[in-house]
Amino acid sequence: MRRVSSVFVLTVAAALALTSCGKAAEKLSEKAIEESVGGGDADIDEDGSFSFESDEGSVSVDADGNVKIEGEDGEFSLDGSTGELPEDFPDDIPLLDGFEIVTGSRTSDGAQTFWGVVGAVNGEPEDVFADVVSAFEADDFESDGKSESTNNGQFFGSASFVGGGSRVSVTVLPDGDGENTTVSYNVQSGDE
């Protein structure tokens, strides 16, 4: 998938900087963005949301910080703060009980789709990692590798699994608060 054009990145940055302005400034900002990128349609709303559409694709950021970029070669979305799984996340991926989603993303080029979900689980990293491995094995995913290490008294674990048309890698590491463990799921589906 091609990189997002610098025009889109500049457009998003400009819009985010200008979203706190009033109604007249919104219209001026929209016009300035449209002219600076050589066309397209920009829309800045009072609630902090922003969208831009041109022949190359579209960019939108809603009031919750969710980002969606679409172009001729694919799409990307990032969950800003809703704490929900990304769009069409495979339902056969065994997420741990008590897993609280912090952020999620989805990228697709039409042939393959990639999802990333990061969250927290209450418990010690070693125990959480053992639970992750057990959950995937119980759901008939095949292990494709596993690594565990301890550095300065901190446990880190990663494992990868294949099953149900998906390749999944999971990383488990201590959270900064000392009470939770961070778990990251990266899922790939589609033609490999």
N, C-alpha and C. Protein backbone atom coordinates (compact mmCIF):
# COMPACT_ATOMS: atom_id res chain seq x y z
N MET A 1 0.84 -1.16 0.00
CA MET A 1 0.00 0.00 0.00
C MET A 1 0.90 1.24 0.00
N ARG A 2 0.59 2.21 -0.83
CA ARG A 2 1.39 3.43 -0.89
C ARG A 2 1.23 4.23 0.38
N ARG A 3 2.23 5.05 0.65
CA ARG A 3 2.13 5.95 1.80
C ARG A 3 1.05 6.99 1.55
N VAL A 4 0.50 7.47 2.63
CA VAL A 4 -0.48 8.54 2.53
C VAL A 4 0.27 9.78 2.04
N SER A 5 -0.29 10.48 1.06
CA SER A 5 0.40 11.63 0.49
C SER A 5 0.61 12.72 1.53
N SER A 6 1.68 13.47 1.36
CA SER A 6 2.00 14.54 2.30
C SER A 6 0.90 15.60 2.31
N VAL A 7 0.16 15.73 1.22
CA VAL A 7 -0.95 16.68 1.17
C VAL A 7 -1.98 16.33 2.25
N PHE A 8 -2.31 15.03 2.38
CA PHE A 8 -3.28 14.61 3.38
C PHE A 8 -2.75 14.87 4.78
N VAL A 9 -1.48 14.57 5.02
CA VAL A 9 -0.91 14.78 6.34
C VAL A 9 -0.94 16.26 6.70
N LEU A 10 -0.53 17.12 5.77
CA LEU A 10 -0.57 18.56 6.02
C LEU A 10 -1.99 19.05 6.24
N THR A 11 -2.92 18.50 5.49
CA THR A 11 -4.32 18.88 5.62
C THR A 11 -4.84 18.53 7.00
N VAL A 12 -4.57 17.32 7.48
CA VAL A 12 -5.02 16.91 8.80
C VAL A 12 -4.39 17.79 9.87
N ALA A 13 -3.09 18.05 9.76
CA ALA A 13 -2.40 18.88 10.75
C ALA A 13 -3.00 20.29 10.79
N ALA A 14 -3.23 20.86 9.62
CA ALA A 14 -3.81 22.21 9.56
C ALA A 14 -5.21 22.23 10.17
N ALA A 15 -5.99 21.24 9.85
CA ALA A 15 -7.36 21.20 10.36
C ALA A 15 -7.39 21.05 11.87
N LEU A 16 -6.54 20.19 12.40
CA LEU A 16 -6.51 20.01 13.84
C LEU A 16 -6.09 21.29 14.55
N ALA A 17 -5.18 22.03 13.95
CA ALA A 17 -4.72 23.29 14.54
C ALA A 17 -5.80 24.35 14.50
N LEU A 18 -6.69 24.26 13.53
CA LEU A 18 -7.67 25.31 13.33
C LEU A 18 -9.06 25.00 13.87
N THR A 19 -9.28 23.81 14.40
CA THR A 19 -10.64 23.43 14.79
C THR A 19 -11.18 24.21 15.97
N SER A 20 -10.34 24.89 16.72
CA SER A 20 -10.85 25.64 17.86
C SER A 20 -11.33 27.04 17.47
N CYS A 21 -11.24 27.40 16.21
CA CYS A 21 -11.65 28.73 15.75
C CYS A 21 -13.17 28.81 15.61
N GLY A 22 -13.69 30.05 15.48
CA GLY A 22 -15.12 30.27 15.31
C GLY A 22 -15.60 29.95 13.91
N LYS A 23 -16.91 30.17 13.68
CA LYS A 23 -17.58 29.84 12.42
C LYS A 23 -16.93 30.53 11.21
N ALA A 24 -16.65 31.84 11.30
CA ALA A 24 -16.04 32.56 10.18
C ALA A 24 -14.63 32.02 9.91
N ALA A 25 -13.91 31.74 10.98
CA ALA A 25 -12.56 31.19 10.81
C ALA A 25 -12.62 29.79 10.21
N GLU A 26 -13.67 29.02 10.55
CA GLU A 26 -13.83 27.68 9.96
C GLU A 26 -13.90 27.78 8.44
N LYS A 27 -14.76 28.67 7.95
CA LYS A 27 -14.93 28.82 6.50
C LYS A 27 -13.64 29.28 5.84
N LEU A 28 -12.95 30.25 6.47
CA LEU A 28 -11.67 30.72 5.94
C LEU A 28 -10.64 29.59 5.93
N SER A 29 -10.60 28.83 7.01
CA SER A 29 -9.66 27.72 7.10
C SER A 29 -9.95 26.65 6.05
N GLU A 30 -11.24 26.34 5.87
CA GLU A 30 -11.63 25.35 4.86
C GLU A 30 -11.16 25.80 3.48
N LYS A 31 -11.40 27.06 3.15
CA LYS A 31 -11.01 27.59 1.84
C LYS A 31 -9.49 27.56 1.69
N ALA A 32 -8.77 27.96 2.73
CA ALA A 32 -7.30 27.96 2.68
C ALA A 32 -6.76 26.55 2.45
N ILE A 33 -7.34 25.57 3.13
CA ILE A 33 -6.90 24.18 2.95
C ILE A 33 -7.17 23.73 1.53
N GLU A 34 -8.38 23.99 1.03
CA GLU A 34 -8.74 23.57 -0.33
C GLU A 34 -7.80 24.19 -1.35
N GLU A 35 -7.48 25.47 -1.19
CA GLU A 35 -6.59 26.15 -2.13
C GLU A 35 -5.15 25.66 -2.01
N SER A 36 -4.71 25.37 -0.78
CA SER A 36 -3.32 24.95 -0.59
C SER A 36 -3.02 23.58 -1.18
N VAL A 37 -4.03 22.74 -1.30
CA VAL A 37 -3.80 21.41 -1.86
C VAL A 37 -4.31 21.31 -3.30
N GLY A 38 -4.73 22.42 -3.87
CA GLY A 38 -5.14 22.42 -5.27
C GLY A 38 -6.51 21.86 -5.53
N GLY A 39 -7.42 22.02 -4.61
CA GLY A 39 -8.79 21.54 -4.81
C GLY A 39 -9.24 20.64 -3.69
N GLY A 40 -10.37 20.03 -3.89
CA GLY A 40 -10.93 19.17 -2.87
C GLY A 40 -11.96 19.91 -2.06
N ASP A 41 -12.51 19.21 -1.08
CA ASP A 41 -13.56 19.77 -0.25
C ASP A 41 -13.21 19.54 1.22
N ALA A 42 -12.94 20.63 1.95
CA ALA A 42 -12.63 20.55 3.38
C ALA A 42 -13.84 20.97 4.19
N ASP A 43 -14.02 20.33 5.34
CA ASP A 43 -15.12 20.68 6.23
C ASP A 43 -14.63 20.59 7.67
N ILE A 44 -14.68 21.70 8.39
CA ILE A 44 -14.30 21.76 9.80
C ILE A 44 -15.56 22.08 10.58
N ASP A 45 -15.87 21.26 11.59
CA ASP A 45 -17.08 21.47 12.38
C ASP A 45 -16.74 21.99 13.78
N GLU A 46 -17.72 22.62 14.41
CA GLU A 46 -17.55 23.18 15.75
C GLU A 46 -17.18 22.14 16.79
N ASP A 47 -17.59 20.89 16.59
CA ASP A 47 -17.31 19.84 17.58
C ASP A 47 -15.89 19.32 17.51
N GLY A 48 -15.08 19.88 16.60
CA GLY A 48 -13.69 19.46 16.46
C GLY A 48 -13.46 18.42 15.38
N SER A 49 -14.52 18.01 14.70
CA SER A 49 -14.35 17.04 13.62
C SER A 49 -13.90 17.75 12.34
N PHE A 50 -13.27 16.99 11.48
CA PHE A 50 -12.71 17.53 10.26
C PHE A 50 -12.78 16.47 9.17
N SER A 51 -13.04 16.90 7.94
CA SER A 51 -12.97 15.98 6.81
C SER A 51 -12.43 16.72 5.59
N PHE A 52 -11.77 15.97 4.75
CA PHE A 52 -11.25 16.50 3.48
C PHE A 52 -11.39 15.41 2.44
N GLU A 53 -11.89 15.78 1.27
CA GLU A 53 -12.06 14.82 0.18
C GLU A 53 -11.56 15.44 -1.11
N SER A 54 -10.82 14.63 -1.88
CA SER A 54 -10.34 15.06 -3.19
C SER A 54 -10.36 13.86 -4.13
N ASP A 55 -9.86 14.05 -5.34
CA ASP A 55 -9.79 12.95 -6.30
C ASP A 55 -8.86 11.84 -5.83
N GLU A 56 -7.90 12.17 -4.95
CA GLU A 56 -6.93 11.19 -4.45
C GLU A 56 -7.48 10.34 -3.31
N GLY A 57 -8.51 10.81 -2.63
CA GLY A 57 -9.07 10.08 -1.51
C GLY A 57 -9.68 11.00 -0.49
N SER A 58 -9.78 10.51 0.75
CA SER A 58 -10.39 11.31 1.80
C SER A 58 -9.71 11.06 3.14
N VAL A 59 -9.84 12.07 4.00
CA VAL A 59 -9.33 12.01 5.38
C VAL A 59 -10.43 12.55 6.27
N SER A 60 -10.70 11.87 7.38
CA SER A 60 -11.66 12.41 8.34
C SER A 60 -11.18 12.13 9.75
N VAL A 61 -11.45 13.08 10.62
CA VAL A 61 -11.15 12.96 12.05
C VAL A 61 -12.42 13.39 12.77
N ASP A 62 -13.00 12.49 13.58
CA ASP A 62 -14.23 12.88 14.27
C ASP A 62 -13.92 13.50 15.63
N ALA A 63 -14.94 13.92 16.32
CA ALA A 63 -14.78 14.63 17.59
C ALA A 63 -14.14 13.77 18.67
N ASP A 64 -14.18 12.45 18.51
CA ASP A 64 -13.57 11.54 19.49
C ASP A 64 -12.12 11.22 19.17
N GLY A 65 -11.61 11.79 18.06
CA GLY A 65 -10.23 11.52 17.68
C GLY A 65 -10.04 10.31 16.79
N ASN A 66 -11.14 9.74 16.29
CA ASN A 66 -11.04 8.61 15.37
C ASN A 66 -10.65 9.12 14.00
N VAL A 67 -9.66 8.48 13.38
CA VAL A 67 -9.13 8.91 12.10
C VAL A 67 -9.44 7.86 11.05
N LYS A 68 -9.83 8.31 9.85
CA LYS A 68 -10.05 7.40 8.73
C LYS A 68 -9.46 8.04 7.48
N ILE A 69 -8.59 7.28 6.80
CA ILE A 69 -7.96 7.73 5.56
C ILE A 69 -8.27 6.70 4.49
N GLU A 70 -8.79 7.15 3.36
CA GLU A 70 -9.11 6.25 2.25
C GLU A 70 -8.49 6.79 0.97
N GLY A 71 -7.95 5.90 0.17
CA GLY A 71 -7.35 6.26 -1.10
C GLY A 71 -7.54 5.13 -2.09
N GLU A 72 -7.01 5.31 -3.28
CA GLU A 72 -7.21 4.30 -4.31
C GLU A 72 -6.53 2.97 -4.00
N ASP A 73 -5.51 2.98 -3.13
CA ASP A 73 -4.79 1.76 -2.80
C ASP A 73 -5.21 1.11 -1.49
N GLY A 74 -6.18 1.67 -0.82
CA GLY A 74 -6.63 1.06 0.43
C GLY A 74 -7.14 2.08 1.42
N GLU A 75 -7.22 1.63 2.67
CA GLU A 75 -7.76 2.49 3.71
C GLU A 75 -7.06 2.21 5.03
N PHE A 76 -7.13 3.19 5.93
CA PHE A 76 -6.57 3.07 7.27
C PHE A 76 -7.53 3.75 8.24
N SER A 77 -7.75 3.13 9.39
CA SER A 77 -8.56 3.78 10.41
C SER A 77 -7.89 3.57 11.77
N LEU A 78 -8.05 4.55 12.64
CA LEU A 78 -7.48 4.50 13.97
C LEU A 78 -8.55 4.93 14.97
N ASP A 79 -8.79 4.08 15.96
CA ASP A 79 -9.75 4.37 17.02
C ASP A 79 -9.06 5.28 18.02
N GLY A 80 -9.56 6.50 18.15
CA GLY A 80 -8.93 7.47 19.03
C GLY A 80 -9.20 7.24 20.50
N SER A 81 -10.41 6.91 20.87
CA SER A 81 -10.70 6.81 22.30
C SER A 81 -11.97 6.05 22.64
N THR A 82 -12.55 5.36 21.71
CA THR A 82 -13.84 4.72 21.99
C THR A 82 -13.70 3.43 22.77
N GLY A 83 -12.52 2.84 22.79
CA GLY A 83 -12.33 1.60 23.52
C GLY A 83 -13.06 0.43 22.89
N GLU A 84 -13.22 0.47 21.57
CA GLU A 84 -13.92 -0.60 20.86
C GLU A 84 -12.99 -1.27 19.86
N LEU A 85 -13.36 -2.48 19.47
CA LEU A 85 -12.59 -3.18 18.45
C LEU A 85 -12.73 -2.45 17.11
N PRO A 86 -11.68 -2.50 16.28
CA PRO A 86 -11.79 -1.89 14.96
C PRO A 86 -12.86 -2.59 14.12
N GLU A 87 -13.30 -1.91 13.08
CA GLU A 87 -14.31 -2.42 12.15
C GLU A 87 -13.94 -3.82 11.68
N ASP A 88 -14.89 -4.72 11.67
CA ASP A 88 -14.83 -6.11 11.23
C ASP A 88 -13.64 -6.92 11.77
N PHE A 89 -13.23 -6.62 13.00
CA PHE A 89 -12.19 -7.40 13.67
C PHE A 89 -12.68 -8.85 13.74
N PRO A 90 -11.84 -9.83 13.37
CA PRO A 90 -12.30 -11.24 13.36
C PRO A 90 -12.82 -11.69 14.72
N ASP A 91 -14.02 -12.27 14.73
CA ASP A 91 -14.64 -12.66 15.99
C ASP A 91 -14.11 -13.97 16.56
N ASP A 92 -13.23 -14.65 15.82
CA ASP A 92 -12.67 -15.90 16.34
C ASP A 92 -11.34 -15.70 17.07
N ILE A 93 -10.89 -14.45 17.21
CA ILE A 93 -9.65 -14.17 17.94
C ILE A 93 -9.99 -14.17 19.43
N PRO A 94 -9.34 -15.05 20.22
CA PRO A 94 -9.69 -15.15 21.65
C PRO A 94 -9.06 -14.04 22.49
N LEU A 95 -9.81 -12.97 22.67
CA LEU A 95 -9.36 -11.89 23.55
C LEU A 95 -9.57 -12.31 25.00
N LEU A 96 -8.68 -11.91 25.86
CA LEU A 96 -8.76 -12.32 27.27
C LEU A 96 -9.95 -11.69 27.98
N ASP A 97 -10.51 -12.42 28.94
CA ASP A 97 -11.55 -11.85 29.80
C ASP A 97 -10.96 -10.67 30.55
N GLY A 98 -11.71 -9.59 30.65
CA GLY A 98 -11.24 -8.41 31.35
C GLY A 98 -10.34 -7.51 30.52
N PHE A 99 -10.16 -7.83 29.25
CA PHE A 99 -9.31 -7.03 28.36
C PHE A 99 -10.00 -5.70 28.08
N GLU A 100 -9.38 -4.60 28.50
CA GLU A 100 -9.93 -3.27 28.28
C GLU A 100 -9.18 -2.61 27.13
N ILE A 101 -9.88 -2.37 26.05
CA ILE A 101 -9.28 -1.83 24.83
C ILE A 101 -8.92 -0.36 25.04
N VAL A 102 -7.69 -0.02 24.69
CA VAL A 102 -7.24 1.37 24.75
C VAL A 102 -7.33 1.98 23.36
N THR A 103 -6.85 1.27 22.36
CA THR A 103 -6.89 1.78 20.99
C THR A 103 -6.91 0.62 20.00
N GLY A 104 -7.42 0.90 18.83
CA GLY A 104 -7.45 -0.11 17.77
C GLY A 104 -7.25 0.54 16.42
N SER A 105 -6.72 -0.22 15.47
CA SER A 105 -6.53 0.30 14.12
C SER A 105 -6.87 -0.79 13.11
N ARG A 106 -7.13 -0.35 11.89
CA ARG A 106 -7.45 -1.26 10.78
C ARG A 106 -6.85 -0.69 9.52
N THR A 107 -6.14 -1.53 8.76
CA THR A 107 -5.58 -1.15 7.47
C THR A 107 -5.94 -2.22 6.47
N SER A 108 -6.32 -1.82 5.26
CA SER A 108 -6.66 -2.79 4.23
C SER A 108 -6.21 -2.29 2.88
N ASP A 109 -5.69 -3.21 2.06
CA ASP A 109 -5.34 -2.86 0.69
C ASP A 109 -6.24 -3.60 -0.30
N GLY A 110 -7.31 -4.18 0.19
CA GLY A 110 -8.25 -4.91 -0.65
C GLY A 110 -8.00 -6.40 -0.64
N ALA A 111 -6.74 -6.83 -0.63
CA ALA A 111 -6.39 -8.25 -0.61
C ALA A 111 -6.15 -8.72 0.82
N GLN A 112 -5.53 -7.88 1.62
CA GLN A 112 -5.23 -8.22 3.01
C GLN A 112 -5.77 -7.14 3.93
N THR A 113 -6.11 -7.56 5.14
CA THR A 113 -6.53 -6.62 6.16
C THR A 113 -5.70 -6.86 7.40
N PHE A 114 -5.28 -5.77 8.04
CA PHE A 114 -4.47 -5.83 9.25
C PHE A 114 -5.20 -5.06 10.35
N TRP A 115 -5.29 -5.67 11.52
CA TRP A 115 -5.89 -5.02 12.68
C TRP A 115 -4.87 -4.98 13.80
N GLY A 116 -4.88 -3.93 14.56
CA GLY A 116 -4.05 -3.83 15.75
C GLY A 116 -4.93 -3.38 16.90
N VAL A 117 -4.83 -4.06 18.03
CA VAL A 117 -5.61 -3.71 19.21
C VAL A 117 -4.67 -3.73 20.41
N VAL A 118 -4.67 -2.65 21.17
CA VAL A 118 -3.85 -2.56 22.37
C VAL A 118 -4.78 -2.30 23.55
N GLY A 119 -4.52 -3.00 24.63
CA GLY A 119 -5.35 -2.82 25.81
C GLY A 119 -4.65 -3.29 27.07
N ALA A 120 -5.39 -3.36 28.15
CA ALA A 120 -4.82 -3.74 29.44
C ALA A 120 -5.66 -4.83 30.09
N VAL A 121 -4.97 -5.68 30.85
CA VAL A 121 -5.60 -6.74 31.61
C VAL A 121 -5.02 -6.69 33.02
N ASN A 122 -5.86 -6.89 34.01
CA ASN A 122 -5.38 -6.92 35.38
C ASN A 122 -4.63 -8.22 35.60
N GLY A 123 -3.44 -8.14 36.17
CA GLY A 123 -2.67 -9.34 36.48
C GLY A 123 -1.20 -9.17 36.19
N GLU A 124 -0.42 -10.12 36.65
CA GLU A 124 1.02 -10.13 36.42
C GLU A 124 1.31 -10.55 34.97
N PRO A 125 2.30 -9.92 34.33
CA PRO A 125 2.59 -10.23 32.93
C PRO A 125 2.82 -11.72 32.64
N GLU A 126 3.53 -12.43 33.52
CA GLU A 126 3.76 -13.86 33.29
C GLU A 126 2.46 -14.64 33.25
N ASP A 127 1.56 -14.32 34.18
CA ASP A 127 0.26 -15.01 34.25
C ASP A 127 -0.61 -14.66 33.04
N VAL A 128 -0.62 -13.37 32.66
CA VAL A 128 -1.41 -12.93 31.51
C VAL A 128 -0.90 -13.61 30.24
N PHE A 129 0.43 -13.70 30.09
CA PHE A 129 0.99 -14.35 28.91
C PHE A 129 0.59 -15.83 28.85
N ALA A 130 0.64 -16.52 29.98
CA ALA A 130 0.22 -17.92 30.02
C ALA A 130 -1.26 -18.05 29.64
N ASP A 131 -2.08 -17.10 30.08
CA ASP A 131 -3.51 -17.10 29.73
C ASP A 131 -3.72 -16.87 28.23
N VAL A 132 -2.92 -15.98 27.63
CA VAL A 132 -3.01 -15.71 26.19
C VAL A 132 -2.71 -16.99 25.41
N VAL A 133 -1.60 -17.63 25.75
CA VAL A 133 -1.20 -18.85 25.04
C VAL A 133 -2.26 -19.93 25.20
N SER A 134 -2.78 -20.11 26.41
CA SER A 134 -3.82 -21.11 26.66
C SER A 134 -5.09 -20.83 25.87
N ALA A 135 -5.48 -19.55 25.78
CA ALA A 135 -6.70 -19.19 25.06
C ALA A 135 -6.58 -19.53 23.58
N PHE A 136 -5.44 -19.23 22.97
CA PHE A 136 -5.27 -19.56 21.55
C PHE A 136 -5.20 -21.06 21.33
N GLU A 137 -4.50 -21.79 22.20
CA GLU A 137 -4.43 -23.25 22.07
C GLU A 137 -5.80 -23.88 22.24
N ALA A 138 -6.61 -23.37 23.17
CA ALA A 138 -7.96 -23.90 23.40
C ALA A 138 -8.87 -23.67 22.19
N ASP A 139 -8.58 -22.61 21.41
CA ASP A 139 -9.39 -22.32 20.22
C ASP A 139 -8.76 -22.90 18.95
N ASP A 140 -7.89 -23.88 19.11
CA ASP A 140 -7.28 -24.63 17.99
C ASP A 140 -6.44 -23.79 17.05
N PHE A 141 -5.82 -22.72 17.55
CA PHE A 141 -4.83 -22.00 16.77
C PHE A 141 -3.51 -22.73 16.94
N GLU A 142 -2.73 -22.80 15.87
CA GLU A 142 -1.41 -23.43 15.94
C GLU A 142 -0.38 -22.39 16.34
N SER A 143 0.51 -22.79 17.25
CA SER A 143 1.58 -21.90 17.67
C SER A 143 2.59 -21.77 16.53
N ASP A 144 3.02 -20.54 16.28
CA ASP A 144 3.99 -20.27 15.21
C ASP A 144 5.26 -19.65 15.80
N GLY A 145 5.43 -19.80 17.12
CA GLY A 145 6.60 -19.27 17.80
C GLY A 145 6.23 -18.58 19.09
N LYS A 146 7.16 -18.63 20.05
CA LYS A 146 6.90 -18.03 21.35
C LYS A 146 8.23 -17.60 21.95
N SER A 147 8.22 -16.43 22.60
CA SER A 147 9.43 -15.93 23.22
C SER A 147 9.07 -15.29 24.57
N GLU A 148 9.86 -15.60 25.59
CA GLU A 148 9.67 -15.02 26.91
C GLU A 148 11.02 -14.54 27.40
N SER A 149 11.04 -13.37 28.03
CA SER A 149 12.30 -12.88 28.60
C SER A 149 12.01 -12.00 29.81
N THR A 150 13.02 -11.87 30.66
CA THR A 150 12.93 -11.00 31.81
C THR A 150 14.14 -10.08 31.78
N ASN A 151 13.90 -8.78 31.89
CA ASN A 151 14.97 -7.80 31.88
C ASN A 151 14.74 -6.83 33.04
N ASN A 152 15.71 -6.73 33.91
CA ASN A 152 15.58 -5.88 35.10
C ASN A 152 14.33 -6.20 35.90
N GLY A 153 14.02 -7.47 36.01
CA GLY A 153 12.86 -7.90 36.77
C GLY A 153 11.52 -7.73 36.08
N GLN A 154 11.54 -7.27 34.82
CA GLN A 154 10.31 -7.05 34.05
C GLN A 154 10.13 -8.17 33.02
N PHE A 155 8.97 -8.82 33.03
CA PHE A 155 8.68 -9.90 32.09
C PHE A 155 8.14 -9.35 30.78
N PHE A 156 8.59 -9.92 29.66
CA PHE A 156 8.09 -9.59 28.32
C PHE A 156 7.83 -10.91 27.60
N GLY A 157 6.68 -11.01 26.94
CA GLY A 157 6.38 -12.22 26.20
C GLY A 157 5.76 -11.89 24.86
N SER A 158 6.08 -12.72 23.86
CA SER A 158 5.43 -12.57 22.55
C SER A 158 5.20 -13.96 21.99
N ALA A 159 4.13 -14.09 21.25
CA ALA A 159 3.78 -15.37 20.63
C ALA A 159 3.03 -15.09 19.34
N SER A 160 3.14 -16.02 18.41
CA SER A 160 2.37 -15.89 17.18
C SER A 160 1.61 -17.19 16.93
N PHE A 161 0.45 -17.03 16.31
CA PHE A 161 -0.46 -18.15 16.08
C PHE A 161 -1.06 -18.05 14.69
N VAL A 162 -1.46 -19.22 14.15
CA VAL A 162 -2.13 -19.27 12.86
C VAL A 162 -3.40 -20.10 13.03
N GLY A 163 -4.51 -19.58 12.50
CA GLY A 163 -5.75 -20.32 12.58
C GLY A 163 -6.92 -19.48 12.10
N GLY A 164 -7.96 -20.15 11.63
CA GLY A 164 -9.17 -19.46 11.22
C GLY A 164 -8.96 -18.44 10.11
N GLY A 165 -7.94 -18.65 9.26
CA GLY A 165 -7.66 -17.71 8.18
C GLY A 165 -6.89 -16.48 8.62
N SER A 166 -6.37 -16.50 9.85
CA SER A 166 -5.64 -15.34 10.37
C SER A 166 -4.26 -15.74 10.88
N ARG A 167 -3.37 -14.79 10.83
CA ARG A 167 -2.06 -14.89 11.48
C ARG A 167 -2.08 -13.82 12.57
N VAL A 168 -1.78 -14.24 13.80
CA VAL A 168 -1.90 -13.34 14.95
C VAL A 168 -0.58 -13.32 15.71
N SER A 169 -0.13 -12.11 16.06
CA SER A 169 1.00 -12.01 16.98
C SER A 169 0.52 -11.21 18.19
N VAL A 170 0.92 -11.69 19.36
CA VAL A 170 0.49 -11.08 20.62
C VAL A 170 1.74 -10.75 21.43
N THR A 171 1.76 -9.54 21.96
CA THR A 171 2.86 -9.10 22.81
C THR A 171 2.29 -8.74 24.18
N VAL A 172 2.97 -9.20 25.22
CA VAL A 172 2.54 -8.95 26.60
C VAL A 172 3.71 -8.30 27.34
N LEU A 173 3.44 -7.16 27.98
CA LEU A 173 4.48 -6.47 28.73
C LEU A 173 3.88 -5.72 29.90
N PRO A 174 4.72 -5.37 30.88
CA PRO A 174 4.19 -4.68 32.05
C PRO A 174 3.64 -3.30 31.69
N ASP A 175 2.59 -2.91 32.37
CA ASP A 175 2.04 -1.58 32.22
C ASP A 175 2.74 -0.68 33.22
N GLY A 176 2.80 0.59 32.94
CA GLY A 176 3.50 1.52 33.82
C GLY A 176 2.91 1.66 35.21
N ASP A 177 1.62 1.29 35.39
CA ASP A 177 0.98 1.51 36.69
C ASP A 177 1.26 0.41 37.70
N GLY A 178 1.84 -0.70 37.26
CA GLY A 178 2.17 -1.79 38.17
C GLY A 178 1.02 -2.69 38.52
N GLU A 179 -0.21 -2.35 38.14
CA GLU A 179 -1.37 -3.18 38.45
C GLU A 179 -1.86 -3.96 37.24
N ASN A 180 -1.64 -3.40 36.06
CA ASN A 180 -2.14 -4.03 34.84
C ASN A 180 -1.00 -4.49 33.95
N THR A 181 -1.36 -5.27 32.96
CA THR A 181 -0.43 -5.73 31.95
C THR A 181 -0.95 -5.28 30.60
N THR A 182 -0.06 -4.75 29.77
CA THR A 182 -0.43 -4.32 28.42
C THR A 182 -0.37 -5.52 27.49
N VAL A 183 -1.43 -5.67 26.69
CA VAL A 183 -1.49 -6.75 25.71
C VAL A 183 -1.78 -6.12 24.35
N SER A 184 -1.00 -6.52 23.36
CA SER A 184 -1.15 -6.01 21.99
C SER A 184 -1.43 -7.19 21.06
N TYR A 185 -2.55 -7.12 20.33
CA TYR A 185 -2.90 -8.13 19.34
C TYR A 185 -2.71 -7.52 17.95
N ASN A 186 -1.95 -8.19 17.09
CA ASN A 186 -1.79 -7.78 15.69
C ASN A 186 -2.26 -8.93 14.83
N VAL A 187 -3.28 -8.68 14.01
CA VAL A 187 -3.96 -9.72 13.25
C VAL A 187 -3.86 -9.42 11.77
N GLN A 188 -3.54 -10.44 10.99
CA GLN A 188 -3.50 -10.32 9.53
C GLN A 188 -4.41 -11.37 8.92
N SER A 189 -5.31 -10.94 8.04
CA SER A 189 -6.17 -11.86 7.31
C SER A 189 -6.09 -11.56 5.84
N GLY A 190 -6.53 -12.48 5.02
CA GLY A 190 -6.55 -12.28 3.58
C GLY A 190 -5.48 -13.10 2.90
N ASP A 191 -5.22 -12.79 1.63
CA ASP A 191 -4.22 -13.52 0.86
C ASP A 191 -2.84 -13.26 1.45
N GLU A 192 -2.09 -14.34 1.64
CA GLU A 192 -0.74 -14.18 2.21
C GLU A 192 0.30 -14.41 1.16
